[in-house]
N, C-alpha and C. Protein backbone atom coordinates (compact mmCIF):
# COMPACT_ATOMS: atom_id res chain seq x y z
N MET A 1 0.83 -1.18 0.00
CA MET A 1 0.00 0.00 0.00
C MET A 1 0.87 1.23 0.00
N THR A 2 0.41 2.24 -0.72
CA THR A 2 1.18 3.47 -0.73
C THR A 2 0.86 4.28 0.52
N ASN A 3 1.68 5.25 0.76
CA ASN A 3 1.52 6.09 1.94
C ASN A 3 0.20 6.87 1.88
N HIS A 4 -0.19 7.33 0.69
CA HIS A 4 -1.43 8.10 0.52
C HIS A 4 -2.66 7.23 0.79
N SER A 5 -2.68 6.02 0.24
CA SER A 5 -3.85 5.16 0.46
C SER A 5 -3.93 4.69 1.91
N LEU A 6 -2.79 4.54 2.57
CA LEU A 6 -2.78 4.16 3.99
C LEU A 6 -3.37 5.28 4.83
N ARG A 7 -2.99 6.53 4.54
CA ARG A 7 -3.55 7.67 5.27
C ARG A 7 -5.05 7.79 5.01
N SER A 8 -5.47 7.57 3.78
CA SER A 8 -6.87 7.67 3.43
C SER A 8 -7.69 6.60 4.14
N SER A 9 -7.19 5.38 4.20
CA SER A 9 -7.94 4.30 4.85
C SER A 9 -7.97 4.52 6.37
N SER A 10 -6.90 5.06 6.95
CA SER A 10 -6.92 5.32 8.39
C SER A 10 -7.87 6.46 8.72
N LYS A 11 -8.00 7.45 7.85
CA LYS A 11 -8.97 8.51 8.07
C LYS A 11 -10.39 7.96 8.02
N ARG A 12 -10.64 7.05 7.06
CA ARG A 12 -11.97 6.44 6.96
C ARG A 12 -12.26 5.61 8.20
N SER A 13 -11.27 4.89 8.69
CA SER A 13 -11.46 4.07 9.89
C SER A 13 -11.77 4.94 11.09
N LEU A 14 -11.07 6.05 11.24
CA LEU A 14 -11.34 6.96 12.35
C LEU A 14 -12.73 7.58 12.25
N LEU A 15 -13.14 7.88 11.04
CA LEU A 15 -14.48 8.45 10.84
C LEU A 15 -15.56 7.44 11.22
N ILE A 16 -15.40 6.20 10.79
CA ILE A 16 -16.36 5.15 11.12
C ILE A 16 -16.38 4.90 12.62
N LEU A 17 -15.22 4.88 13.24
CA LEU A 17 -15.13 4.69 14.68
C LEU A 17 -15.84 5.83 15.42
N ALA A 18 -15.64 7.05 14.96
CA ALA A 18 -16.30 8.20 15.59
C ALA A 18 -17.80 8.11 15.42
N LEU A 19 -18.25 7.70 14.24
CA LEU A 19 -19.69 7.58 14.00
C LEU A 19 -20.33 6.50 14.86
N VAL A 20 -19.56 5.50 15.23
CA VAL A 20 -20.08 4.43 16.09
C VAL A 20 -19.99 4.82 17.56
N LEU A 21 -18.90 5.44 17.96
CA LEU A 21 -18.67 5.75 19.37
C LEU A 21 -19.51 6.91 19.88
N ILE A 22 -19.75 7.93 19.09
CA ILE A 22 -20.50 9.09 19.56
C ILE A 22 -21.90 8.71 20.01
N PRO A 23 -22.68 7.95 19.21
CA PRO A 23 -23.99 7.53 19.72
C PRO A 23 -23.88 6.61 20.93
N ALA A 24 -22.85 5.77 20.97
CA ALA A 24 -22.70 4.85 22.11
C ALA A 24 -22.41 5.61 23.39
N VAL A 25 -21.63 6.67 23.30
CA VAL A 25 -21.33 7.48 24.49
C VAL A 25 -22.59 8.16 24.98
N LYS A 26 -23.42 8.62 24.07
CA LYS A 26 -24.67 9.27 24.46
C LYS A 26 -25.61 8.29 25.14
N VAL A 27 -25.66 7.06 24.66
CA VAL A 27 -26.52 6.06 25.28
C VAL A 27 -26.02 5.71 26.67
N LEU A 28 -24.71 5.57 26.82
CA LEU A 28 -24.14 5.24 28.12
C LEU A 28 -24.30 6.38 29.11
N ALA A 29 -24.37 7.60 28.63
CA ALA A 29 -24.53 8.74 29.52
C ALA A 29 -25.93 8.81 30.09
N GLN A 30 -26.89 8.15 29.46
CA GLN A 30 -28.27 8.16 29.93
C GLN A 30 -28.52 6.91 30.76
N GLN A 31 -27.99 6.90 31.97
CA GLN A 31 -28.13 5.73 32.83
C GLN A 31 -29.45 5.79 33.57
N SER A 32 -29.96 4.64 33.88
CA SER A 32 -31.17 4.56 34.68
C SER A 32 -30.79 4.72 36.15
N PRO A 33 -31.77 5.01 37.04
CA PRO A 33 -31.44 5.14 38.46
C PRO A 33 -30.84 3.86 39.04
N LEU A 34 -31.22 2.72 38.49
CA LEU A 34 -30.69 1.45 39.00
C LEU A 34 -29.21 1.31 38.66
N ALA A 35 -28.81 1.79 37.49
CA ALA A 35 -27.42 1.69 37.10
C ALA A 35 -26.56 2.63 37.93
N ALA A 36 -27.16 3.67 38.50
CA ALA A 36 -26.40 4.64 39.28
C ALA A 36 -26.21 4.17 40.72
N GLY A 37 -26.69 2.98 41.10
CA GLY A 37 -26.45 2.46 42.42
C GLY A 37 -27.68 2.42 43.32
N ALA A 38 -28.83 2.83 42.84
CA ALA A 38 -30.04 2.81 43.66
C ALA A 38 -30.54 1.38 43.76
N GLU A 39 -31.12 1.06 44.86
CA GLU A 39 -31.66 -0.29 45.08
C GLU A 39 -33.05 -0.39 44.49
N PRO A 40 -33.37 -1.50 43.83
CA PRO A 40 -34.71 -1.63 43.27
C PRO A 40 -35.75 -1.83 44.38
N VAL A 41 -36.90 -1.25 44.19
CA VAL A 41 -38.00 -1.40 45.14
C VAL A 41 -39.11 -2.13 44.41
N PHE A 42 -39.51 -3.25 44.97
CA PHE A 42 -40.55 -4.05 44.35
C PHE A 42 -41.85 -3.86 45.11
N ALA A 43 -42.90 -3.57 44.38
CA ALA A 43 -44.19 -3.36 45.03
C ALA A 43 -44.92 -4.68 45.12
N THR A 44 -45.53 -4.87 46.26
CA THR A 44 -46.37 -6.06 46.43
C THR A 44 -47.78 -5.59 46.69
N ALA A 45 -48.70 -6.50 46.62
CA ALA A 45 -50.11 -6.16 46.80
C ALA A 45 -50.43 -5.84 48.25
N SER A 46 -49.53 -6.14 49.20
CA SER A 46 -49.85 -5.96 50.61
C SER A 46 -49.76 -4.51 51.07
N TYR A 47 -49.04 -3.67 50.36
CA TYR A 47 -48.97 -2.27 50.78
C TYR A 47 -48.94 -1.37 49.54
N ALA A 48 -49.31 -0.15 49.71
CA ALA A 48 -49.33 0.81 48.59
C ALA A 48 -47.96 1.48 48.49
N GLN A 49 -47.58 1.81 47.30
CA GLN A 49 -46.31 2.49 47.08
C GLN A 49 -46.44 3.97 47.43
N PRO A 50 -45.36 4.57 47.91
CA PRO A 50 -45.39 6.02 48.11
C PRO A 50 -45.57 6.73 46.77
N ALA A 51 -46.02 7.96 46.79
CA ALA A 51 -46.35 8.70 45.58
C ALA A 51 -45.13 8.87 44.67
N TYR A 52 -43.94 9.04 45.28
CA TYR A 52 -42.76 9.25 44.44
C TYR A 52 -42.31 7.99 43.72
N LEU A 53 -42.80 6.82 44.11
CA LEU A 53 -42.44 5.60 43.41
C LEU A 53 -43.51 5.14 42.42
N GLN A 54 -44.69 5.76 42.48
CA GLN A 54 -45.75 5.36 41.56
C GLN A 54 -45.46 5.95 40.18
N PRO A 55 -45.77 5.17 39.17
CA PRO A 55 -45.53 5.69 37.82
C PRO A 55 -46.46 6.87 37.54
N SER A 56 -45.94 7.83 36.87
CA SER A 56 -46.77 8.98 36.51
C SER A 56 -46.98 8.96 35.00
N TYR A 57 -48.16 9.33 34.62
CA TYR A 57 -48.52 9.35 33.21
C TYR A 57 -48.83 10.78 32.81
N VAL A 58 -48.30 11.18 31.70
CA VAL A 58 -48.53 12.52 31.20
C VAL A 58 -49.53 12.39 30.06
N GLU A 59 -50.58 13.13 30.17
CA GLU A 59 -51.60 13.11 29.13
C GLU A 59 -51.33 14.27 28.19
N ALA A 60 -51.18 13.97 26.93
CA ALA A 60 -50.92 15.01 25.95
C ALA A 60 -52.24 15.57 25.45
N SER A 61 -52.29 16.85 25.34
CA SER A 61 -53.48 17.48 24.79
C SER A 61 -53.05 18.70 24.00
N TYR A 62 -53.86 19.07 23.04
CA TYR A 62 -53.56 20.23 22.21
C TYR A 62 -54.04 21.48 22.92
N VAL A 63 -53.15 22.44 23.03
CA VAL A 63 -53.49 23.70 23.67
C VAL A 63 -53.67 24.74 22.58
N GLN A 64 -54.84 25.34 22.54
CA GLN A 64 -55.14 26.36 21.56
C GLN A 64 -54.34 27.62 21.91
N PRO A 65 -53.60 28.19 20.95
CA PRO A 65 -52.85 29.40 21.27
C PRO A 65 -53.81 30.55 21.57
N THR A 66 -53.40 31.39 22.49
CA THR A 66 -54.25 32.52 22.82
C THR A 66 -54.21 33.53 21.70
N GLU A 67 -55.31 34.18 21.51
CA GLU A 67 -55.39 35.18 20.46
C GLU A 67 -54.66 36.44 20.91
N SER A 68 -53.64 36.79 20.21
CA SER A 68 -52.90 38.01 20.54
C SER A 68 -53.21 39.06 19.48
N ARG A 69 -52.69 40.25 19.73
CA ARG A 69 -52.93 41.34 18.79
C ARG A 69 -52.33 41.03 17.42
N GLU A 70 -51.17 40.35 17.42
CA GLU A 70 -50.52 40.05 16.15
C GLU A 70 -51.25 38.97 15.37
N MET A 71 -51.89 38.05 16.07
CA MET A 71 -52.52 36.93 15.38
C MET A 71 -53.87 37.30 14.79
N GLU A 72 -54.54 38.29 15.33
CA GLU A 72 -55.90 38.54 14.91
C GLU A 72 -56.05 39.71 13.95
N HIS A 73 -54.96 40.36 13.55
CA HIS A 73 -55.13 41.54 12.70
C HIS A 73 -55.43 41.14 11.27
N ARG A 74 -56.16 42.00 10.61
CA ARG A 74 -56.44 41.81 9.19
C ARG A 74 -55.23 42.29 8.39
N PHE A 75 -55.13 41.84 7.16
CA PHE A 75 -53.98 42.23 6.35
C PHE A 75 -54.01 43.73 6.05
N TRP A 76 -55.17 44.24 5.67
CA TRP A 76 -55.29 45.66 5.34
C TRP A 76 -55.70 46.46 6.58
N ASP A 77 -54.99 46.28 7.66
CA ASP A 77 -55.26 47.08 8.85
C ASP A 77 -54.58 48.44 8.71
N ARG A 78 -54.75 49.27 9.73
CA ARG A 78 -54.22 50.64 9.68
C ARG A 78 -52.70 50.66 9.51
N GLU A 79 -52.00 49.82 10.26
CA GLU A 79 -50.54 49.84 10.21
C GLU A 79 -50.02 49.41 8.84
N ASN A 80 -50.59 48.36 8.27
CA ASN A 80 -50.15 47.93 6.93
C ASN A 80 -50.50 48.97 5.88
N SER A 81 -51.66 49.59 6.00
CA SER A 81 -52.03 50.63 5.03
C SER A 81 -51.03 51.78 5.04
N ILE A 82 -50.63 52.19 6.24
CA ILE A 82 -49.63 53.27 6.35
C ILE A 82 -48.28 52.80 5.80
N LEU A 83 -47.89 51.57 6.13
CA LEU A 83 -46.62 51.05 5.64
C LEU A 83 -46.61 50.94 4.12
N PHE A 84 -47.70 50.46 3.52
CA PHE A 84 -47.75 50.32 2.07
C PHE A 84 -47.77 51.68 1.38
N ALA A 85 -48.42 52.67 2.01
CA ALA A 85 -48.37 54.02 1.45
C ALA A 85 -46.94 54.56 1.49
N ALA A 86 -46.22 54.27 2.57
CA ALA A 86 -44.82 54.69 2.67
C ALA A 86 -43.95 53.96 1.66
N VAL A 87 -44.23 52.68 1.44
CA VAL A 87 -43.48 51.92 0.43
C VAL A 87 -43.70 52.54 -0.95
N GLY A 88 -44.95 52.87 -1.27
CA GLY A 88 -45.26 53.49 -2.55
C GLY A 88 -44.62 54.86 -2.69
N ALA A 89 -44.65 55.66 -1.62
CA ALA A 89 -44.05 57.00 -1.66
C ALA A 89 -42.53 56.92 -1.83
N SER A 90 -41.89 56.00 -1.11
CA SER A 90 -40.44 55.87 -1.24
C SER A 90 -40.05 55.33 -2.61
N ALA A 91 -40.87 54.45 -3.18
CA ALA A 91 -40.60 53.96 -4.53
C ALA A 91 -40.78 55.08 -5.55
N ALA A 92 -41.79 55.94 -5.35
CA ALA A 92 -42.01 57.07 -6.26
C ALA A 92 -40.83 58.05 -6.17
N ALA A 93 -40.35 58.30 -4.97
CA ALA A 93 -39.19 59.19 -4.81
C ALA A 93 -37.96 58.58 -5.48
N ASP A 94 -37.78 57.28 -5.31
CA ASP A 94 -36.65 56.59 -5.95
C ASP A 94 -36.77 56.68 -7.46
N PHE A 95 -37.98 56.53 -7.99
CA PHE A 95 -38.20 56.64 -9.44
C PHE A 95 -37.82 58.04 -9.92
N CYS A 96 -38.29 59.08 -9.21
CA CYS A 96 -38.01 60.46 -9.64
C CYS A 96 -36.52 60.78 -9.62
N VAL A 97 -35.83 60.39 -8.56
CA VAL A 97 -34.40 60.67 -8.45
C VAL A 97 -33.63 59.87 -9.49
N THR A 98 -34.00 58.61 -9.68
CA THR A 98 -33.31 57.76 -10.66
C THR A 98 -33.51 58.31 -12.07
N ARG A 99 -34.74 58.70 -12.38
CA ARG A 99 -35.04 59.23 -13.72
C ARG A 99 -34.28 60.52 -13.97
N ALA A 100 -34.21 61.39 -12.95
CA ALA A 100 -33.48 62.65 -13.11
C ALA A 100 -31.98 62.40 -13.30
N ASN A 101 -31.44 61.46 -12.55
CA ASN A 101 -30.01 61.14 -12.71
C ASN A 101 -29.72 60.53 -14.07
N LEU A 102 -30.60 59.66 -14.54
CA LEU A 102 -30.38 59.05 -15.86
C LEU A 102 -30.51 60.10 -16.96
N ALA A 103 -31.41 61.06 -16.81
CA ALA A 103 -31.60 62.10 -17.82
C ALA A 103 -30.38 63.03 -17.88
N SER A 104 -29.68 63.19 -16.76
CA SER A 104 -28.51 64.08 -16.76
C SER A 104 -27.21 63.32 -17.02
N GLY A 105 -27.32 62.10 -17.53
CA GLY A 105 -26.12 61.36 -17.92
C GLY A 105 -25.60 60.38 -16.90
N GLY A 106 -26.30 60.19 -15.81
CA GLY A 106 -25.88 59.22 -14.80
C GLY A 106 -26.14 57.79 -15.27
N ARG A 107 -25.74 56.85 -14.44
CA ARG A 107 -26.00 55.46 -14.81
C ARG A 107 -26.63 54.73 -13.63
N GLU A 108 -27.44 53.75 -13.93
CA GLU A 108 -28.15 52.96 -12.91
C GLU A 108 -27.18 51.93 -12.33
N LEU A 109 -27.10 51.88 -10.99
CA LEU A 109 -26.18 50.95 -10.34
C LEU A 109 -26.83 49.60 -10.05
N ASN A 110 -28.14 49.57 -9.91
CA ASN A 110 -28.84 48.31 -9.63
C ASN A 110 -28.93 47.50 -10.92
N PRO A 111 -28.36 46.29 -10.96
CA PRO A 111 -28.36 45.52 -12.21
C PRO A 111 -29.75 45.08 -12.66
N VAL A 112 -30.67 44.91 -11.74
CA VAL A 112 -32.03 44.53 -12.13
C VAL A 112 -32.74 45.72 -12.75
N THR A 113 -32.62 46.87 -12.12
CA THR A 113 -33.27 48.08 -12.63
C THR A 113 -32.60 48.57 -13.90
N ARG A 114 -31.33 48.29 -14.08
CA ARG A 114 -30.59 48.73 -15.26
C ARG A 114 -31.23 48.20 -16.54
N VAL A 115 -31.85 47.03 -16.47
CA VAL A 115 -32.52 46.46 -17.64
C VAL A 115 -33.66 47.36 -18.11
N PHE A 116 -34.35 47.99 -17.16
CA PHE A 116 -35.52 48.81 -17.47
C PHE A 116 -35.18 50.29 -17.60
N ALA A 117 -33.93 50.67 -17.44
CA ALA A 117 -33.54 52.08 -17.40
C ALA A 117 -33.55 52.75 -18.76
N GLY A 118 -33.79 52.02 -19.82
CA GLY A 118 -33.77 52.61 -21.17
C GLY A 118 -34.96 53.51 -21.45
N SER A 119 -36.07 53.32 -20.76
CA SER A 119 -37.24 54.16 -21.01
C SER A 119 -37.92 54.52 -19.69
N THR A 120 -38.62 55.62 -19.71
CA THR A 120 -39.33 56.06 -18.51
C THR A 120 -40.43 55.08 -18.15
N THR A 121 -41.11 54.55 -19.14
CA THR A 121 -42.19 53.59 -18.89
C THR A 121 -41.65 52.32 -18.26
N GLY A 122 -40.55 51.82 -18.79
CA GLY A 122 -39.93 50.62 -18.22
C GLY A 122 -39.47 50.84 -16.80
N LEU A 123 -38.90 52.02 -16.54
CA LEU A 123 -38.44 52.35 -15.20
C LEU A 123 -39.63 52.45 -14.23
N ALA A 124 -40.72 53.05 -14.69
CA ALA A 124 -41.93 53.17 -13.85
C ALA A 124 -42.48 51.78 -13.54
N PHE A 125 -42.55 50.91 -14.53
CA PHE A 125 -43.04 49.55 -14.29
C PHE A 125 -42.14 48.79 -13.33
N ASN A 126 -40.83 49.05 -13.38
CA ASN A 126 -39.91 48.41 -12.45
C ASN A 126 -40.24 48.80 -11.02
N PHE A 127 -40.43 50.09 -10.77
CA PHE A 127 -40.69 50.54 -9.40
C PHE A 127 -42.10 50.14 -8.94
N ILE A 128 -43.05 50.10 -9.84
CA ILE A 128 -44.39 49.60 -9.49
C ILE A 128 -44.30 48.12 -9.15
N GLY A 129 -43.52 47.38 -9.93
CA GLY A 129 -43.33 45.95 -9.65
C GLY A 129 -42.66 45.70 -8.31
N GLU A 130 -41.68 46.54 -7.96
CA GLU A 130 -41.03 46.39 -6.65
C GLU A 130 -42.03 46.62 -5.52
N THR A 131 -42.89 47.62 -5.68
CA THR A 131 -43.89 47.93 -4.65
C THR A 131 -44.90 46.79 -4.52
N VAL A 132 -45.41 46.32 -5.63
CA VAL A 132 -46.38 45.23 -5.59
C VAL A 132 -45.73 43.94 -5.08
N GLY A 133 -44.48 43.72 -5.45
CA GLY A 133 -43.76 42.54 -4.95
C GLY A 133 -43.57 42.58 -3.46
N SER A 134 -43.26 43.76 -2.93
CA SER A 134 -43.12 43.91 -1.48
C SER A 134 -44.44 43.62 -0.78
N MET A 135 -45.53 44.10 -1.34
CA MET A 135 -46.85 43.84 -0.76
C MET A 135 -47.20 42.36 -0.85
N GLY A 136 -46.82 41.71 -1.93
CA GLY A 136 -47.07 40.28 -2.08
C GLY A 136 -46.30 39.44 -1.07
N ILE A 137 -45.06 39.80 -0.84
CA ILE A 137 -44.26 39.08 0.17
C ILE A 137 -44.85 39.30 1.55
N SER A 138 -45.29 40.52 1.82
CA SER A 138 -45.95 40.80 3.11
C SER A 138 -47.20 39.96 3.27
N TYR A 139 -47.97 39.83 2.19
CA TYR A 139 -49.20 39.03 2.26
C TYR A 139 -48.88 37.56 2.50
N PHE A 140 -47.82 37.07 1.87
CA PHE A 140 -47.40 35.68 2.09
C PHE A 140 -47.05 35.46 3.56
N PHE A 141 -46.27 36.38 4.13
CA PHE A 141 -45.92 36.26 5.55
C PHE A 141 -47.16 36.36 6.43
N HIS A 142 -48.12 37.20 6.05
CA HIS A 142 -49.35 37.32 6.83
C HIS A 142 -50.11 35.99 6.82
N LYS A 143 -50.24 35.39 5.67
CA LYS A 143 -51.00 34.14 5.55
C LYS A 143 -50.32 32.97 6.25
N THR A 144 -49.01 33.00 6.34
CA THR A 144 -48.30 31.91 7.01
C THR A 144 -48.08 32.18 8.49
N GLY A 145 -48.62 33.30 9.00
CA GLY A 145 -48.56 33.58 10.43
C GLY A 145 -47.29 34.26 10.89
N HIS A 146 -46.46 34.74 9.98
CA HIS A 146 -45.22 35.43 10.34
C HIS A 146 -45.46 36.94 10.30
N HIS A 147 -46.17 37.43 11.31
CA HIS A 147 -46.64 38.80 11.27
C HIS A 147 -45.53 39.82 11.49
N ARG A 148 -44.51 39.47 12.21
CA ARG A 148 -43.38 40.40 12.35
C ARG A 148 -42.64 40.54 11.02
N LEU A 149 -42.46 39.42 10.31
CA LEU A 149 -41.81 39.49 9.00
C LEU A 149 -42.69 40.23 8.00
N GLU A 150 -43.99 40.12 8.18
CA GLU A 150 -44.93 40.85 7.32
C GLU A 150 -44.65 42.34 7.39
N ARG A 151 -44.48 42.87 8.59
CA ARG A 151 -44.21 44.30 8.77
C ARG A 151 -42.77 44.63 8.38
N LEU A 152 -41.85 43.73 8.70
CA LEU A 152 -40.43 43.96 8.43
C LEU A 152 -40.15 44.09 6.93
N THR A 153 -40.93 43.39 6.11
CA THR A 153 -40.75 43.47 4.66
C THR A 153 -40.96 44.89 4.17
N SER A 154 -41.98 45.54 4.67
CA SER A 154 -42.25 46.93 4.27
C SER A 154 -41.14 47.86 4.76
N PHE A 155 -40.71 47.66 6.01
CA PHE A 155 -39.63 48.49 6.54
C PHE A 155 -38.35 48.32 5.72
N ALA A 156 -38.05 47.09 5.32
CA ALA A 156 -36.84 46.84 4.52
C ALA A 156 -36.94 47.53 3.16
N ASN A 157 -38.11 47.48 2.55
CA ASN A 157 -38.29 48.13 1.25
C ASN A 157 -38.19 49.64 1.37
N ILE A 158 -38.78 50.20 2.42
CA ILE A 158 -38.69 51.65 2.64
C ILE A 158 -37.23 52.05 2.87
N GLY A 159 -36.51 51.27 3.66
CA GLY A 159 -35.10 51.55 3.90
C GLY A 159 -34.27 51.45 2.64
N ASN A 160 -34.55 50.45 1.82
CA ASN A 160 -33.82 50.28 0.56
C ASN A 160 -34.05 51.46 -0.36
N SER A 161 -35.30 51.86 -0.53
CA SER A 161 -35.60 53.00 -1.40
C SER A 161 -35.05 54.29 -0.81
N GLY A 162 -35.13 54.44 0.51
CA GLY A 162 -34.58 55.63 1.15
C GLY A 162 -33.09 55.76 0.94
N PHE A 163 -32.39 54.62 1.04
CA PHE A 163 -30.95 54.63 0.78
C PHE A 163 -30.67 55.01 -0.67
N ALA A 164 -31.46 54.46 -1.61
CA ALA A 164 -31.24 54.75 -3.03
C ALA A 164 -31.49 56.23 -3.32
N VAL A 165 -32.53 56.81 -2.70
CA VAL A 165 -32.82 58.23 -2.91
C VAL A 165 -31.68 59.08 -2.35
N THR A 166 -31.24 58.76 -1.15
CA THR A 166 -30.15 59.51 -0.53
C THR A 166 -28.88 59.42 -1.35
N TYR A 167 -28.56 58.23 -1.80
CA TYR A 167 -27.36 58.04 -2.61
C TYR A 167 -27.49 58.80 -3.93
N GLY A 168 -28.65 58.71 -4.54
CA GLY A 168 -28.86 59.41 -5.82
C GLY A 168 -28.77 60.92 -5.70
N LEU A 169 -29.27 61.46 -4.57
CA LEU A 169 -29.22 62.90 -4.39
C LEU A 169 -27.81 63.39 -4.05
N THR A 170 -27.04 62.59 -3.36
CA THR A 170 -25.69 63.00 -2.98
C THR A 170 -24.67 62.78 -4.09
N HIS A 171 -24.98 61.96 -5.08
CA HIS A 171 -24.03 61.66 -6.16
C HIS A 171 -24.58 62.12 -7.51
N ARG A 172 -24.98 63.37 -7.59
CA ARG A 172 -25.50 63.91 -8.86
C ARG A 172 -24.38 64.33 -9.76
């Protein structure tokens, strides 16, 4: 055997040994009270066992979650309406700044938006699509019960557009 194949086979052997020993160590670590040195107590019909020696049974039951403010809100509630209006306003501001920069010879830095930057109509559809996409993702999170992510999606979009507007205004 060559030195390389010997090293490779010993690595495989160590891996197999580790895969066998790790579960075995976990099983051995979970000792019963009898294995730890406690004496067995046998119950007979002549006397009752103390409560701490009687077997206990846990009955599983489904617990209905309590209705919280986050769980019961409608999708088009006041907070989402305000957030979606802010998403639309920030997208409109981003559109205006981007269009003005492109008209004065600037270039679009976002590679997705760059595809639509050739015309005003294409650019407008891009920003409308971003707004509707953000609302769609929020709706998905609402339907799947992830209400914090539902709100966070709008905040992330507002922050993204706000950053783009700020960057566009400072780099004219």
